[in-house]
PDB file of N, CA and C in Angstrom:
ATOM      1  N   MET A   1     104.374 116.829 120.431  1.00  0.00           N
ATOM      2  CA  MET A   1     104.462 115.411 120.187  1.00  0.00           C
ATOM      3  C   MET A   1     103.804 115.118 118.839  1.00  0.00           C
ATOM      4  N   SER A   2     104.534 114.525 117.948  1.00  0.00           N
ATOM      5  CA  SER A   2     103.996 114.256 116.616  1.00  0.00           C
ATOM      6  C   SER A   2     103.319 112.887 116.582  1.00  0.00           C
ATOM      7  N   ALA A   3     102.371 112.773 115.664  1.00  0.00           N
ATOM      8  CA  ALA A   3     101.640 111.524 115.505  1.00  0.00           C
ATOM      9  C   ALA A   3     102.531 110.511 114.791  1.00  0.00           C
ATOM     10  N   PRO A   4     102.398 109.252 115.137  1.00  0.00           N
ATOM     11  CA  PRO A   4     103.207 108.236 114.451  1.00  0.00           C
ATOM     12  C   PRO A   4     102.822 108.146 112.977  1.00  0.00           C
ATOM     13  N   ARG A   5     103.801 107.904 112.130  1.00  0.00           N
ATOM     14  CA  ARG A   5     103.578 107.788 110.689  1.00  0.00           C
ATOM     15  C   ARG A   5     103.593 106.328 110.271  1.00  0.00           C
ATOM     16  N   VAL A   6     102.753 106.022 109.324  1.00  0.00           N
ATOM     17  CA  VAL A   6     102.731 104.691 108.741  1.00  0.00           C
ATOM     18  C   VAL A   6     103.703 104.703 107.576  1.00  0.00           C
ATOM     19  N   THR A   7     104.654 103.801 107.591  1.00  0.00           N
ATOM     20  CA  THR A   7     105.611 103.734 106.488  1.00  0.00           C
ATOM     21  C   THR A   7     105.307 102.505 105.638  1.00  0.00           C
ATOM     22  N   THR A   8     105.494 102.674 104.353  1.00  0.00           N
ATOM     23  CA  THR A   8     105.255 101.555 103.453  1.00  0.00           C
ATOM     24  C   THR A   8     106.581 100.907 103.120  1.00  0.00           C
ATOM     25  N   GLY A   9     106.562  99.623 102.955  1.00  0.00           N
ATOM     26  CA  GLY A   9     107.773  98.889 102.657  1.00  0.00           C
ATOM     27  C   GLY A   9     108.008  98.779 101.161  1.00  0.00           C
ATOM     28  N   LYS A  10     109.202  98.317 100.846  1.00  0.00           N
ATOM     29  CA  LYS A  10     109.567  98.115  99.451  1.00  0.00           C
ATOM     30  C   LYS A  10     108.742  96.990  98.839  1.00  0.00           C
ATOM     31  N   ALA A  11     108.370  96.005  99.634  1.00  0.00           N
ATOM     32  CA  ALA A  11     107.564  94.891  99.138  1.00  0.00           C
ATOM     33  C   ALA A  11     106.210  95.378  98.643  1.00  0.00           C
ATOM     34  N   SER A  12     105.651  96.386  99.293  1.00  0.00           N
ATOM     35  CA  SER A  12     104.377  96.942  98.869  1.00  0.00           C
ATOM     36  C   SER A  12     104.490  97.574  97.490  1.00  0.00           C
ATOM     37  N   LEU A  13     105.566  98.289  97.251  1.00  0.00           N
ATOM     38  CA  LEU A  13     105.793  98.918  95.953  1.00  0.00           C
ATOM     39  C   LEU A  13     105.986  97.861  94.866  1.00  0.00           C
ATOM     40  N   ILE A  14     106.805  96.880  95.144  1.00  0.00           N
ATOM     41  CA  ILE A  14     107.064  95.817  94.169  1.00  0.00           C
ATOM     42  C   ILE A  14     105.779  95.034  93.895  1.00  0.00           C
ATOM     43  N   GLY A  15     105.013  94.767  94.920  1.00  0.00           N
ATOM     44  CA  GLY A  15     103.751  94.057  94.754  1.00  0.00           C
ATOM     45  C   GLY A  15     102.779  94.829  93.865  1.00  0.00           C
ATOM     46  N   GLY A  16     102.694  96.135  94.055  1.00  0.00           N
ATOM     47  CA  GLY A  16     101.824  96.955  93.221  1.00  0.00           C
ATOM     48  C   GLY A  16     102.252  96.942  91.766  1.00  0.00           C
ATOM     49  N   ILE A  17     103.549  97.000  91.529  1.00  0.00           N
ATOM     50  CA  ILE A  17     104.071  96.974  90.158  1.00  0.00           C
ATOM     51  C   ILE A  17     103.790  95.624  89.508  1.00  0.00           C
ATOM     52  N   VAL A  18     104.033  94.553  90.237  1.00  0.00           N
ATOM     53  CA  VAL A  18     103.802  93.213  89.690  1.00  0.00           C
ATOM     54  C   VAL A  18     102.318  93.009  89.373  1.00  0.00           C
ATOM     55  N   VAL A  19     101.448  93.455  90.248  1.00  0.00           N
ATOM     56  CA  VAL A  19     100.011  93.310  90.012  1.00  0.00           C
ATOM     57  C   VAL A  19      99.590  94.133  88.801  1.00  0.00           C
ATOM     58  N   ALA A  20     100.125  95.328  88.652  1.00  0.00           N
ATOM     59  CA  ALA A  20      99.794  96.165  87.495  1.00  0.00           C
ATOM     60  C   ALA A  20     100.245  95.506  86.193  1.00  0.00           C
ATOM     61  N   ILE A  21     101.442  94.955  86.177  1.00  0.00           N
ATOM     62  CA  ILE A  21     101.943  94.286  84.970  1.00  0.00           C
ATOM     63  C   ILE A  21     101.097  93.052  84.655  1.00  0.00           C
ATOM     64  N   ALA A  22     100.795  92.259  85.674  1.00  0.00           N
ATOM     65  CA  ALA A  22      99.990  91.056  85.459  1.00  0.00           C
ATOM     66  C   ALA A  22      98.588  91.420  84.970  1.00  0.00           C
ATOM     67  N   THR A  23      98.025  92.486  85.498  1.00  0.00           N
ATOM     68  CA  THR A  23      96.703  92.933  85.053  1.00  0.00           C
ATOM     69  C   THR A  23      96.732  93.334  83.592  1.00  0.00           C
ATOM     70  N   MET A  24      97.788  94.036  83.184  1.00  0.00           N
ATOM     71  CA  MET A  24      97.897  94.457  81.785  1.00  0.00           C
ATOM     72  C   MET A  24      98.054  93.254  80.862  1.00  0.00           C
ATOM     73  N   VAL A  25      98.852  92.284  81.271  1.00  0.00           N
ATOM     74  CA  VAL A  25      99.036  91.076  80.454  1.00  0.00           C
ATOM     75  C   VAL A  25      97.707  90.338  80.299  1.00  0.00           C
ATOM     76  N   LEU A  26      96.977  90.172  81.387  1.00  0.00           N
ATOM     77  CA  LEU A  26      95.682  89.495  81.319  1.00  0.00           C
ATOM     78  C   LEU A  26      94.675  90.302  80.501  1.00  0.00           C
ATOM     79  N   TRP A  27      94.714  91.620  80.621  1.00  0.00           N
ATOM     80  CA  TRP A  27      93.823  92.490  79.847  1.00  0.00           C
ATOM     81  C   TRP A  27      94.066  92.297  78.354  1.00  0.00           C
ATOM     82  N   MET A  28      95.332  92.325  77.957  1.00  0.00           N
ATOM     83  CA  MET A  28      95.660  92.194  76.539  1.00  0.00           C
ATOM     84  C   MET A  28      95.321  90.791  76.025  1.00  0.00           C
ATOM     85  N   ALA A  29      95.529  89.770  76.843  1.00  0.00           N
ATOM     86  CA  ALA A  29      95.182  88.407  76.436  1.00  0.00           C
ATOM     87  C   ALA A  29      93.672  88.268  76.245  1.00  0.00           C
ATOM     88  N   ALA A  30      92.902  88.823  77.155  1.00  0.00           N
ATOM     89  CA  ALA A  30      91.447  88.752  77.041  1.00  0.00           C
ATOM     90  C   ALA A  30      90.959  89.561  75.836  1.00  0.00           C
ATOM     91  N   ALA A  31      91.536  90.737  75.625  1.00  0.00           N
ATOM     92  CA  ALA A  31      91.148  91.562  74.479  1.00  0.00           C
ATOM     93  C   ALA A  31      91.464  90.849  73.167  1.00  0.00           C
ATOM     94  N   HIS A  32      92.604  90.201  73.116  1.00  0.00           N
ATOM     95  CA  HIS A  32      92.991  89.474  71.912  1.00  0.00           C
ATOM     96  C   HIS A  32      92.026  88.315  71.638  1.00  0.00           C
ATOM     97  N   GLU A  33      91.692  87.571  72.664  1.00  0.00           N
ATOM     98  CA  GLU A  33      90.786  86.435  72.504  1.00  0.00           C
ATOM     99  C   GLU A  33      89.384  86.880  72.100  1.00  0.00           C
ATOM    100  N   LEU A  34      88.973  88.059  72.570  1.00  0.00           N
ATOM    101  CA  LEU A  34      87.641  88.561  72.240  1.00  0.00           C
ATOM    102  C   LEU A  34      87.616  89.347  70.933  1.00  0.00           C
ATOM    103  N   GLY A  35      88.787  89.575  70.343  1.00  0.00           N
ATOM    104  CA  GLY A  35      88.861  90.258  69.057  1.00  0.00           C
ATOM    105  C   GLY A  35      88.845  91.768  69.144  1.00  0.00           C
ATOM    106  N   PHE A  36      89.198  92.317  70.295  1.00  0.00           N
ATOM    107  CA  PHE A  36      89.258  93.769  70.452  1.00  0.00           C
ATOM    108  C   PHE A  36      90.693  94.236  70.244  1.00  0.00           C
ATOM    109  N   TYR A  37      90.869  95.235  69.370  1.00  0.00           N
ATOM    110  CA  TYR A  37      92.199  95.758  69.075  1.00  0.00           C
ATOM    111  C   TYR A  37      92.133  97.279  69.019  1.00  0.00           C
ATOM    112  N   GLY A  38      93.288  97.903  69.048  1.00  0.00           N
ATOM    113  CA  GLY A  38      93.363  99.334  68.834  1.00  0.00           C
ATOM    114  C   GLY A  38      93.772 100.112  70.069  1.00  0.00           C
ATOM    115  N   ALA A  39      93.936 101.397  69.846  1.00  0.00           N
ATOM    116  CA  ALA A  39      94.391 102.295  70.908  1.00  0.00           C
ATOM    117  C   ALA A  39      93.411 102.397  72.080  1.00  0.00           C
ATOM    118  N   PRO A  40      92.095 102.477  71.828  1.00  0.00           N
ATOM    119  CA  PRO A  40      91.186 102.577  72.984  1.00  0.00           C
ATOM    120  C   PRO A  40      91.295 101.383  73.942  1.00  0.00           C
ATOM    121  N   VAL A  41      91.474 100.201  73.384  1.00  0.00           N
ATOM    122  CA  VAL A  41      91.606  99.010  74.223  1.00  0.00           C
ATOM    123  C   VAL A  41      92.901  99.073  75.018  1.00  0.00           C
ATOM    124  N   LEU A  42      93.978  99.523  74.381  1.00  0.00           N
ATOM    125  CA  LEU A  42      95.265  99.655  75.060  1.00  0.00           C
ATOM    126  C   LEU A  42      95.202 100.700  76.163  1.00  0.00           C
ATOM    127  N   ILE A  43      94.586 101.832  75.877  1.00  0.00           N
ATOM    128  CA  ILE A  43      94.471 102.898  76.878  1.00  0.00           C
ATOM    129  C   ILE A  43      93.611 102.451  78.049  1.00  0.00           C
ATOM    130  N   ALA A  44      92.501 101.776  77.756  1.00  0.00           N
ATOM    131  CA  ALA A  44      91.644 101.271  78.835  1.00  0.00           C
ATOM    132  C   ALA A  44      92.404 100.270  79.692  1.00  0.00           C
ATOM    133  N   GLY A  45      93.200  99.408  79.060  1.00  0.00           N
ATOM    134  CA  GLY A  45      94.006  98.448  79.811  1.00  0.00           C
ATOM    135  C   GLY A  45      95.037  99.131  80.691  1.00  0.00           C
ATOM    136  N   LEU A  46      95.668 100.168  80.164  1.00  0.00           N
ATOM    137  CA  LEU A  46      96.651 100.906  80.964  1.00  0.00           C
ATOM    138  C   LEU A  46      96.002 101.579  82.172  1.00  0.00           C
ATOM    139  N   VAL A  47      94.818 102.133  81.969  1.00  0.00           N
ATOM    140  CA  VAL A  47      94.113 102.791  83.082  1.00  0.00           C
ATOM    141  C   VAL A  47      93.715 101.767  84.142  1.00  0.00           C
ATOM    142  N   VAL A  48      93.141 100.657  83.698  1.00  0.00           N
ATOM    143  CA  VAL A  48      92.712  99.620  84.645  1.00  0.00           C
ATOM    144  C   VAL A  48      93.912  99.043  85.400  1.00  0.00           C
ATOM    145  N   SER A  49      95.001  98.767  84.693  1.00  0.00           N
ATOM    146  CA  SER A  49      96.167  98.188  85.362  1.00  0.00           C
ATOM    147  C   SER A  49      96.823  99.195  86.309  1.00  0.00           C
ATOM    148  N   ALA A  50      96.843 100.466  85.945  1.00  0.00           N
ATOM    149  CA  ALA A  50      97.405 101.479  86.849  1.00  0.00           C
ATOM    150  C   ALA A  50      96.570 101.606  88.116  1.00  0.00           C
ATOM    151  N   ILE A  51      95.263 101.632  87.962  1.00  0.00           N
ATOM    152  CA  ILE A  51      94.379 101.730  89.134  1.00  0.00           C
ATOM    153  C   ILE A  51      94.531 100.499  90.019  1.00  0.00           C
ATOM    154  N   THR A  52      94.630  99.329  89.416  1.00  0.00           N
ATOM    155  CA  THR A  52      94.793  98.092  90.181  1.00  0.00           C
ATOM    156  C   THR A  52      96.126  98.084  90.929  1.00  0.00           C
ATOM    157  N   GLY A  53      97.190  98.518  90.266  1.00  0.00           N
ATOM    158  CA  GLY A  53      98.498  98.578  90.918  1.00  0.00           C
ATOM    159  C   GLY A  53      98.522  99.557  92.078  1.00  0.00           C
ATOM    160  N   ILE A  54      97.924 100.733  91.866  1.00  0.00           N
ATOM    161  CA  ILE A  54      97.872 101.744  92.935  1.00  0.00           C
ATOM    162  C   ILE A  54      97.031 101.242  94.098  1.00  0.00           C
ATOM    163  N   TRP A  55      95.896 100.614  93.788  1.00  0.00           N
ATOM    164  CA  TRP A  55      95.036 100.096  94.845  1.00  0.00           C
ATOM    165  C   TRP A  55      95.766  99.025  95.656  1.00  0.00           C
ATOM    166  N   THR A  56      96.502  98.163  94.978  1.00  0.00           N
ATOM    167  CA  THR A  56      97.265  97.124  95.677  1.00  0.00           C
ATOM    168  C   THR A  56      98.321  97.760  96.575  1.00  0.00           C
ATOM    169  N   ARG A  57      99.004  98.761  96.072  1.00  0.00           N
ATOM    170  CA  ARG A  57     100.035  99.458  96.855  1.00  0.00           C
ATOM    171  C   ARG A  57      99.434 100.075  98.105  1.00  0.00           C
ATOM    172  N   LEU A  58      98.293 100.747  97.957  1.00  0.00           N
ATOM    173  CA  LEU A  58      97.679 101.416  99.098  1.00  0.00           C
ATOM    174  C   LEU A  58      97.020 100.434 100.056  1.00  0.00           C
ATOM    175  N   ALA A  59      96.484  99.340  99.540  1.00  0.00           N
ATOM    176  CA  ALA A  59      95.803  98.359 100.392  1.00  0.00           C
ATOM    177  C   ALA A  59      96.798  97.580 101.247  1.00  0.00           C
ATOM    178  N   ASP A  60      98.058  97.599 100.850  1.00  0.00           N
ATOM    179  CA  ASP A  60      99.081  96.839 101.562  1.00  0.00           C
ATOM    180  C   ASP A  60      99.658  97.609 102.756  1.00  0.00           C
ATOM    181  N   LEU A  61      99.056  98.735 103.073  1.00  0.00           N
ATOM    182  CA  LEU A  61      99.572  99.517 104.206  1.00  0.00           C
ATOM    183  C   LEU A  61      99.311  98.794 105.462  1.00  0.00           C
TER     184      LEU A  61
END
């Protein structure tokens, strides 16, 4: 007898993507207003938005 599996829905995936995009937009807006530019700021924003999107996807289980 196998254990029941938790399945994730398509809404969870879409929600994670939307949250990641929104996080990146807000990150870039805040960086621009504070006068931070360059590759390190962009890379940090990508990392933060990816982690936020993944966390949202997993938290929606």
